Amino acid sequence: MMNKKVFVIFFFLQTVTTLPFSALAEARLTFQGTVLDDPPCIFNSGYVINIDFGATIITTRVDGINYSQEVKYNLVCTTPPLNTLRMQIIGVGAAFDAKNLSTDKSNLSISFFADGKALPVNQWLNFTLPQQPQLKAVPVKKTGSTLT
């Protein structure tokens, strides 16, 4: 995200022919803020990423290691700022481990990794182009639980 400081000064002059010159009102308003430009990169062509963990998962083998899948995506940057970027997995953390993405099963979550290191949900991952992080996802079940 590029930050640009914008200073806008508005001059409002009320000119009414029946008022004397001294009655002209002048108001100054200074606005300072952040302008958000269009993102310099497009992630996965704007499409949702679906991760297929396979049709034959044995629930007793879901352990945070088995069934790991590469998260395939593309990143196209037209005007990257200084070649430094960041990304994050946004979502609700699992009740039993807030670092993992929750699912519709209370005892099941998805853990993400970037270049072999844990990538907790809602935390930024900084990286530098042209290198793009290799992302992986793996199902994790709550310790001591049974998946159905």
N, C-alpha and C. Protein backbone atom coordinates (compact mmCIF):
# COMPACT_ATOMS: atom_id res chain seq x y z
N MET A 1 0.85 -1.15 0.00
CA MET A 1 0.00 0.00 0.00
C MET A 1 0.91 1.22 0.00
N MET A 2 0.60 2.13 -0.88
CA MET A 2 1.37 3.36 -0.93
C MET A 2 0.65 4.43 -0.14
N ASN A 3 1.39 5.16 0.67
CA ASN A 3 0.79 6.25 1.43
C ASN A 3 1.15 7.56 0.75
N LYS A 4 0.18 8.38 0.58
CA LYS A 4 0.40 9.71 0.03
C LYS A 4 -0.31 10.69 0.96
N LYS A 5 0.38 11.71 1.32
CA LYS A 5 -0.24 12.75 2.14
C LYS A 5 -0.90 13.73 1.19
N VAL A 6 -2.10 14.05 1.51
CA VAL A 6 -2.86 14.97 0.67
C VAL A 6 -3.25 16.16 1.52
N PHE A 7 -2.95 17.31 1.03
CA PHE A 7 -3.34 18.53 1.70
C PHE A 7 -4.28 19.26 0.75
N VAL A 8 -5.46 19.47 1.20
CA VAL A 8 -6.45 20.15 0.38
C VAL A 8 -6.91 21.38 1.14
N ILE A 9 -6.86 22.48 0.50
CA ILE A 9 -7.34 23.71 1.11
C ILE A 9 -8.51 24.20 0.28
N PHE A 10 -9.64 24.35 0.94
CA PHE A 10 -10.83 24.84 0.27
C PHE A 10 -11.07 26.28 0.69
N PHE A 11 -11.34 27.09 -0.25
CA PHE A 11 -11.71 28.47 0.03
C PHE A 11 -13.15 28.65 -0.39
N PHE A 12 -13.95 29.00 0.57
CA PHE A 12 -15.35 29.23 0.28
C PHE A 12 -15.62 30.73 0.41
N LEU A 13 -16.01 31.32 -0.64
CA LEU A 13 -16.32 32.74 -0.62
C LEU A 13 -17.80 32.90 -0.92
N GLN A 14 -18.47 33.54 -0.02
CA GLN A 14 -19.88 33.82 -0.24
C GLN A 14 -19.97 35.20 -0.86
N THR A 15 -20.48 35.28 -2.01
CA THR A 15 -20.64 36.58 -2.64
C THR A 15 -22.10 36.83 -2.89
N VAL A 16 -22.61 37.74 -2.18
CA VAL A 16 -24.00 38.13 -2.34
C VAL A 16 -23.99 39.61 -2.68
N THR A 17 -24.64 39.99 -3.71
CA THR A 17 -24.56 41.37 -4.19
C THR A 17 -25.08 42.38 -3.19
N THR A 18 -25.94 41.97 -2.27
CA THR A 18 -26.48 42.94 -1.33
C THR A 18 -25.58 43.15 -0.12
N LEU A 19 -24.53 42.31 0.06
CA LEU A 19 -23.65 42.45 1.21
C LEU A 19 -22.44 43.29 0.87
N PRO A 20 -21.95 44.07 1.83
CA PRO A 20 -20.72 44.82 1.58
C PRO A 20 -19.52 43.88 1.48
N PHE A 21 -18.42 44.35 0.94
CA PHE A 21 -17.22 43.55 0.75
C PHE A 21 -16.75 42.91 2.05
N SER A 22 -16.87 43.59 3.18
CA SER A 22 -16.42 43.05 4.46
C SER A 22 -17.25 41.86 4.91
N ALA A 23 -18.38 41.66 4.33
CA ALA A 23 -19.23 40.54 4.71
C ALA A 23 -18.86 39.26 3.97
N LEU A 24 -17.89 39.33 3.07
CA LEU A 24 -17.46 38.10 2.38
C LEU A 24 -16.89 37.14 3.42
N ALA A 25 -17.33 35.93 3.38
CA ALA A 25 -16.87 34.95 4.36
C ALA A 25 -15.78 34.09 3.73
N GLU A 26 -14.71 33.89 4.45
CA GLU A 26 -13.64 33.02 3.97
C GLU A 26 -13.46 31.91 4.99
N ALA A 27 -13.45 30.69 4.52
CA ALA A 27 -13.25 29.55 5.40
C ALA A 27 -12.11 28.71 4.86
N ARG A 28 -11.24 28.27 5.72
CA ARG A 28 -10.14 27.39 5.31
C ARG A 28 -10.31 26.06 6.00
N LEU A 29 -10.20 25.02 5.20
CA LEU A 29 -10.30 23.67 5.72
C LEU A 29 -9.11 22.91 5.23
N THR A 30 -8.35 22.34 6.13
CA THR A 30 -7.21 21.52 5.75
C THR A 30 -7.55 20.07 6.02
N PHE A 31 -7.34 19.24 5.02
CA PHE A 31 -7.61 17.80 5.15
C PHE A 31 -6.30 17.07 5.02
N GLN A 32 -6.00 16.21 5.97
CA GLN A 32 -4.80 15.40 5.90
C GLN A 32 -5.21 13.97 6.11
N GLY A 33 -4.77 13.09 5.24
CA GLY A 33 -5.17 11.69 5.37
C GLY A 33 -4.34 10.80 4.47
N THR A 34 -4.81 9.60 4.30
CA THR A 34 -4.13 8.62 3.48
C THR A 34 -4.97 8.31 2.27
N VAL A 35 -4.36 8.36 1.11
CA VAL A 35 -5.05 7.97 -0.12
C VAL A 35 -4.64 6.55 -0.43
N LEU A 36 -5.61 5.71 -0.63
CA LEU A 36 -5.32 4.32 -0.96
C LEU A 36 -5.39 4.17 -2.47
N ASP A 37 -4.26 3.86 -3.07
CA ASP A 37 -4.23 3.61 -4.50
C ASP A 37 -4.71 2.20 -4.78
N ASP A 38 -4.99 1.94 -6.04
CA ASP A 38 -5.31 0.57 -6.42
C ASP A 38 -4.13 -0.31 -6.04
N PRO A 39 -4.38 -1.55 -5.66
CA PRO A 39 -3.27 -2.42 -5.28
C PRO A 39 -2.31 -2.61 -6.45
N PRO A 40 -1.01 -2.62 -6.17
CA PRO A 40 -0.04 -2.78 -7.25
C PRO A 40 0.03 -4.21 -7.77
N CYS A 41 -0.59 -5.15 -7.06
CA CYS A 41 -0.53 -6.55 -7.47
C CYS A 41 -1.93 -7.17 -7.44
N ILE A 42 -2.11 -8.16 -8.30
CA ILE A 42 -3.37 -8.90 -8.31
C ILE A 42 -3.06 -10.34 -7.92
N PHE A 43 -3.73 -10.78 -6.88
CA PHE A 43 -3.50 -12.10 -6.32
C PHE A 43 -4.45 -13.10 -6.95
N ASN A 44 -3.90 -14.14 -7.54
CA ASN A 44 -4.64 -15.25 -8.12
C ASN A 44 -5.71 -14.79 -9.12
N SER A 45 -5.40 -13.75 -9.86
CA SER A 45 -6.31 -13.20 -10.88
C SER A 45 -7.67 -12.83 -10.30
N GLY A 46 -7.73 -12.62 -8.99
CA GLY A 46 -8.98 -12.25 -8.34
C GLY A 46 -9.88 -13.43 -8.01
N TYR A 47 -9.43 -14.65 -8.28
CA TYR A 47 -10.25 -15.83 -8.02
C TYR A 47 -9.98 -16.42 -6.65
N VAL A 48 -10.98 -17.11 -6.12
CA VAL A 48 -10.86 -17.83 -4.85
C VAL A 48 -9.93 -19.02 -5.05
N ILE A 49 -9.15 -19.33 -4.04
CA ILE A 49 -8.27 -20.50 -4.10
C ILE A 49 -8.96 -21.66 -3.40
N ASN A 50 -9.07 -22.77 -4.09
CA ASN A 50 -9.62 -23.99 -3.51
C ASN A 50 -8.47 -24.96 -3.27
N ILE A 51 -8.42 -25.52 -2.09
CA ILE A 51 -7.37 -26.47 -1.75
C ILE A 51 -8.03 -27.84 -1.60
N ASP A 52 -7.59 -28.78 -2.40
CA ASP A 52 -8.14 -30.13 -2.37
C ASP A 52 -7.21 -31.04 -1.57
N PHE A 53 -7.68 -31.48 -0.41
CA PHE A 53 -6.88 -32.36 0.43
C PHE A 53 -7.07 -33.83 0.07
N GLY A 54 -7.86 -34.09 -0.94
CA GLY A 54 -8.08 -35.46 -1.40
C GLY A 54 -9.40 -36.01 -0.92
N ALA A 55 -9.88 -37.01 -1.62
CA ALA A 55 -11.19 -37.60 -1.32
C ALA A 55 -11.10 -38.72 -0.30
N THR A 56 -9.92 -39.20 -0.04
CA THR A 56 -9.77 -40.36 0.86
C THR A 56 -8.93 -40.02 2.08
N ILE A 57 -9.34 -39.03 2.82
CA ILE A 57 -8.64 -38.68 4.06
C ILE A 57 -9.09 -39.63 5.15
N ILE A 58 -8.12 -40.22 5.80
CA ILE A 58 -8.41 -41.07 6.96
C ILE A 58 -8.35 -40.17 8.18
N THR A 59 -9.49 -39.96 8.81
CA THR A 59 -9.59 -38.96 9.87
C THR A 59 -8.64 -39.20 11.04
N THR A 60 -8.31 -40.45 11.31
CA THR A 60 -7.39 -40.75 12.41
C THR A 60 -5.95 -40.38 12.07
N ARG A 61 -5.67 -40.08 10.79
CA ARG A 61 -4.32 -39.70 10.37
C ARG A 61 -4.15 -38.20 10.21
N VAL A 62 -5.21 -37.44 10.45
CA VAL A 62 -5.11 -35.98 10.38
C VAL A 62 -4.34 -35.52 11.62
N ASP A 63 -3.13 -35.01 11.39
CA ASP A 63 -2.26 -34.69 12.52
C ASP A 63 -1.45 -33.41 12.34
N GLY A 64 -1.77 -32.62 11.32
CA GLY A 64 -1.00 -31.41 11.08
C GLY A 64 0.22 -31.64 10.23
N ILE A 65 0.44 -32.87 9.81
CA ILE A 65 1.56 -33.21 8.91
C ILE A 65 1.02 -33.91 7.66
N ASN A 66 0.23 -34.94 7.89
CA ASN A 66 -0.35 -35.68 6.76
C ASN A 66 -1.32 -34.81 5.98
N TYR A 67 -1.38 -35.05 4.71
CA TYR A 67 -2.31 -34.40 3.77
C TYR A 67 -1.94 -32.94 3.47
N SER A 68 -0.70 -32.57 3.69
CA SER A 68 -0.23 -31.23 3.36
C SER A 68 -0.34 -31.01 1.85
N GLN A 69 -0.85 -29.84 1.47
CA GLN A 69 -1.03 -29.52 0.06
C GLN A 69 -0.44 -28.15 -0.25
N GLU A 70 0.15 -28.04 -1.43
CA GLU A 70 0.64 -26.74 -1.88
C GLU A 70 -0.54 -25.85 -2.22
N VAL A 71 -0.45 -24.59 -1.81
CA VAL A 71 -1.47 -23.61 -2.16
C VAL A 71 -0.99 -22.95 -3.45
N LYS A 72 -1.64 -23.30 -4.54
CA LYS A 72 -1.22 -22.79 -5.84
C LYS A 72 -1.91 -21.45 -6.10
N TYR A 73 -1.09 -20.46 -6.41
CA TYR A 73 -1.61 -19.11 -6.68
C TYR A 73 -0.68 -18.42 -7.65
N ASN A 74 -1.15 -17.31 -8.20
CA ASN A 74 -0.28 -16.47 -9.01
C ASN A 74 -0.36 -15.05 -8.48
N LEU A 75 0.69 -14.32 -8.71
CA LEU A 75 0.78 -12.95 -8.24
C LEU A 75 1.35 -12.12 -9.38
N VAL A 76 0.56 -11.19 -9.88
CA VAL A 76 0.99 -10.34 -10.98
C VAL A 76 1.07 -8.91 -10.47
N CYS A 77 2.26 -8.35 -10.52
CA CYS A 77 2.47 -6.99 -10.03
C CYS A 77 2.84 -6.08 -11.20
N THR A 78 2.06 -5.02 -11.37
CA THR A 78 2.33 -4.08 -12.45
C THR A 78 3.30 -2.99 -12.01
N THR A 79 3.07 -2.45 -10.83
CA THR A 79 3.95 -1.40 -10.31
C THR A 79 4.19 -1.64 -8.82
N PRO A 80 4.98 -2.66 -8.48
CA PRO A 80 5.21 -2.93 -7.06
C PRO A 80 6.04 -1.83 -6.40
N PRO A 81 5.64 -1.42 -5.20
CA PRO A 81 6.41 -0.39 -4.50
C PRO A 81 7.67 -0.99 -3.89
N LEU A 82 8.81 -0.61 -4.39
CA LEU A 82 10.11 -1.01 -3.83
C LEU A 82 10.32 -2.52 -3.77
N ASN A 83 9.55 -3.30 -4.50
CA ASN A 83 9.65 -4.76 -4.54
C ASN A 83 9.37 -5.43 -3.21
N THR A 84 8.94 -4.70 -2.20
CA THR A 84 8.61 -5.30 -0.92
C THR A 84 7.09 -5.36 -0.79
N LEU A 85 6.60 -6.53 -0.50
CA LEU A 85 5.17 -6.75 -0.38
C LEU A 85 4.87 -7.54 0.88
N ARG A 86 3.58 -7.66 1.17
CA ARG A 86 3.15 -8.50 2.29
C ARG A 86 1.79 -9.08 1.97
N MET A 87 1.52 -10.22 2.57
CA MET A 87 0.23 -10.87 2.39
C MET A 87 -0.18 -11.51 3.70
N GLN A 88 -1.46 -11.85 3.79
CA GLN A 88 -1.93 -12.53 4.98
C GLN A 88 -3.12 -13.41 4.63
N ILE A 89 -3.31 -14.45 5.43
CA ILE A 89 -4.50 -15.28 5.37
C ILE A 89 -5.47 -14.66 6.36
N ILE A 90 -6.60 -14.18 5.86
CA ILE A 90 -7.57 -13.52 6.72
C ILE A 90 -8.71 -14.49 7.02
N GLY A 91 -9.02 -14.64 8.28
CA GLY A 91 -10.12 -15.52 8.65
C GLY A 91 -10.25 -15.62 10.15
N VAL A 92 -11.16 -16.48 10.56
CA VAL A 92 -11.41 -16.71 11.99
C VAL A 92 -10.52 -17.85 12.45
N GLY A 93 -9.80 -17.60 13.53
CA GLY A 93 -8.95 -18.65 14.10
C GLY A 93 -9.79 -19.74 14.75
N ALA A 94 -9.28 -20.94 14.73
CA ALA A 94 -9.98 -22.08 15.34
C ALA A 94 -10.06 -21.88 16.86
N ALA A 95 -11.13 -22.34 17.46
CA ALA A 95 -11.32 -22.19 18.91
C ALA A 95 -10.22 -22.91 19.69
N PHE A 96 -9.72 -24.01 19.17
CA PHE A 96 -8.69 -24.77 19.89
C PHE A 96 -7.27 -24.35 19.54
N ASP A 97 -7.10 -23.54 18.49
CA ASP A 97 -5.79 -22.98 18.14
C ASP A 97 -6.01 -21.80 17.21
N ALA A 98 -5.96 -20.61 17.76
CA ALA A 98 -6.29 -19.39 17.01
C ALA A 98 -5.32 -19.10 15.87
N LYS A 99 -4.16 -19.77 15.83
CA LYS A 99 -3.22 -19.58 14.72
C LYS A 99 -3.70 -20.27 13.45
N ASN A 100 -4.61 -21.22 13.60
CA ASN A 100 -5.13 -21.98 12.47
C ASN A 100 -6.47 -21.44 12.02
N LEU A 101 -6.79 -21.62 10.75
CA LEU A 101 -8.06 -21.20 10.19
C LEU A 101 -9.16 -22.16 10.61
N SER A 102 -10.26 -21.62 11.12
CA SER A 102 -11.36 -22.49 11.55
C SER A 102 -12.08 -23.06 10.32
N THR A 103 -12.80 -24.13 10.54
CA THR A 103 -13.62 -24.76 9.50
C THR A 103 -15.02 -24.93 10.06
N ASP A 104 -15.90 -25.55 9.28
CA ASP A 104 -17.25 -25.79 9.78
C ASP A 104 -17.31 -26.97 10.74
N LYS A 105 -16.20 -27.64 10.95
CA LYS A 105 -16.09 -28.72 11.94
C LYS A 105 -15.32 -28.18 13.15
N SER A 106 -15.92 -28.22 14.32
CA SER A 106 -15.31 -27.59 15.50
C SER A 106 -13.97 -28.20 15.91
N ASN A 107 -13.71 -29.44 15.54
CA ASN A 107 -12.46 -30.10 15.91
C ASN A 107 -11.43 -30.12 14.78
N LEU A 108 -11.70 -29.39 13.70
CA LEU A 108 -10.82 -29.39 12.53
C LEU A 108 -10.46 -27.97 12.15
N SER A 109 -9.18 -27.76 11.84
CA SER A 109 -8.72 -26.45 11.38
C SER A 109 -7.71 -26.66 10.26
N ILE A 110 -7.30 -25.56 9.65
CA ILE A 110 -6.29 -25.60 8.60
C ILE A 110 -5.11 -24.75 9.05
N SER A 111 -3.93 -25.34 8.99
CA SER A 111 -2.70 -24.64 9.34
C SER A 111 -1.98 -24.27 8.05
N PHE A 112 -1.41 -23.06 8.00
CA PHE A 112 -0.72 -22.60 6.80
C PHE A 112 0.77 -22.42 7.09
N PHE A 113 1.56 -22.63 6.04
CA PHE A 113 3.01 -22.47 6.11
C PHE A 113 3.48 -21.68 4.91
N ALA A 114 4.46 -20.83 5.13
CA ALA A 114 5.10 -20.07 4.06
C ALA A 114 6.58 -20.39 4.08
N ASP A 115 7.05 -20.98 3.01
CA ASP A 115 8.46 -21.38 2.91
C ASP A 115 8.88 -22.22 4.11
N GLY A 116 8.00 -23.10 4.55
CA GLY A 116 8.30 -24.03 5.62
C GLY A 116 8.10 -23.50 7.03
N LYS A 117 7.75 -22.24 7.17
CA LYS A 117 7.53 -21.66 8.50
C LYS A 117 6.04 -21.40 8.70
N ALA A 118 5.58 -21.58 9.94
CA ALA A 118 4.16 -21.35 10.25
C ALA A 118 3.73 -19.95 9.85
N LEU A 119 2.54 -19.87 9.26
CA LEU A 119 1.94 -18.60 8.89
C LEU A 119 0.58 -18.52 9.56
N PRO A 120 0.51 -17.95 10.77
CA PRO A 120 -0.77 -17.85 11.48
C PRO A 120 -1.76 -16.96 10.73
N VAL A 121 -3.03 -17.28 10.85
CA VAL A 121 -4.06 -16.46 10.21
C VAL A 121 -4.00 -15.04 10.80
N ASN A 122 -4.33 -14.09 9.96
CA ASN A 122 -4.41 -12.66 10.33
C ASN A 122 -3.07 -12.04 10.73
N GLN A 123 -1.97 -12.67 10.34
CA GLN A 123 -0.65 -12.07 10.57
C GLN A 123 0.02 -11.85 9.22
N TRP A 124 0.71 -10.74 9.10
CA TRP A 124 1.34 -10.38 7.84
C TRP A 124 2.59 -11.20 7.58
N LEU A 125 2.78 -11.51 6.31
CA LEU A 125 3.99 -12.16 5.82
C LEU A 125 4.67 -11.19 4.87
N ASN A 126 5.85 -10.74 5.22
CA ASN A 126 6.61 -9.83 4.36
C ASN A 126 7.46 -10.65 3.41
N PHE A 127 7.57 -10.18 2.16
CA PHE A 127 8.44 -10.84 1.19
C PHE A 127 8.88 -9.82 0.15
N THR A 128 9.90 -10.20 -0.60
CA THR A 128 10.48 -9.32 -1.60
C THR A 128 10.41 -9.96 -2.97
N LEU A 129 9.89 -9.21 -3.93
CA LEU A 129 9.84 -9.70 -5.31
C LEU A 129 11.25 -9.72 -5.88
N PRO A 130 11.56 -10.61 -6.78
CA PRO A 130 10.65 -11.48 -7.50
C PRO A 130 10.32 -12.79 -6.79
N GLN A 131 10.92 -13.04 -5.63
CA GLN A 131 10.62 -14.28 -4.90
C GLN A 131 9.21 -14.22 -4.33
N GLN A 132 8.44 -15.26 -4.56
CA GLN A 132 7.09 -15.35 -4.00
C GLN A 132 7.07 -16.53 -3.03
N PRO A 133 6.45 -16.35 -1.87
CA PRO A 133 6.45 -17.43 -0.87
C PRO A 133 5.76 -18.68 -1.39
N GLN A 134 6.32 -19.81 -1.03
CA GLN A 134 5.66 -21.09 -1.31
C GLN A 134 4.72 -21.36 -0.13
N LEU A 135 3.45 -21.43 -0.42
CA LEU A 135 2.44 -21.63 0.63
C LEU A 135 1.97 -23.07 0.65
N LYS A 136 1.77 -23.58 1.86
CA LYS A 136 1.21 -24.92 2.04
C LYS A 136 0.11 -24.85 3.09
N ALA A 137 -0.84 -25.75 2.96
CA ALA A 137 -1.94 -25.86 3.91
C ALA A 137 -2.04 -27.32 4.35
N VAL A 138 -2.38 -27.50 5.62
CA VAL A 138 -2.49 -28.87 6.14
C VAL A 138 -3.63 -28.91 7.16
N PRO A 139 -4.46 -29.96 7.07
CA PRO A 139 -5.54 -30.08 8.07
C PRO A 139 -4.98 -30.50 9.43
N VAL A 140 -5.59 -29.94 10.48
CA VAL A 140 -5.18 -30.23 11.86
C VAL A 140 -6.43 -30.52 12.67
N LYS A 141 -6.39 -31.57 13.47
CA LYS A 141 -7.54 -31.83 14.36
C LYS A 141 -7.15 -31.50 15.79
N LYS A 142 -8.17 -31.19 16.56
CA LYS A 142 -7.98 -30.89 17.98
C LYS A 142 -7.43 -32.14 18.67
N THR A 143 -6.41 -31.95 19.48
CA THR A 143 -5.80 -33.06 20.20
C THR A 143 -6.85 -33.81 21.01
N GLY A 144 -6.87 -35.11 20.86
CA GLY A 144 -7.77 -35.97 21.62
C GLY A 144 -9.17 -36.05 21.04
N SER A 145 -9.42 -35.38 19.93
CA SER A 145 -10.77 -35.39 19.36
C SER A 145 -10.91 -36.46 18.26
N THR A 146 -12.13 -36.72 17.92
CA THR A 146 -12.46 -37.64 16.82
C THR A 146 -13.20 -36.86 15.76
N LEU A 147 -12.73 -36.96 14.53
CA LEU A 147 -13.39 -36.27 13.42
C LEU A 147 -14.47 -37.17 12.84
N THR A 148 -15.59 -36.58 12.53
CA THR A 148 -16.67 -37.36 11.91
C THR A 148 -17.10 -36.71 10.61
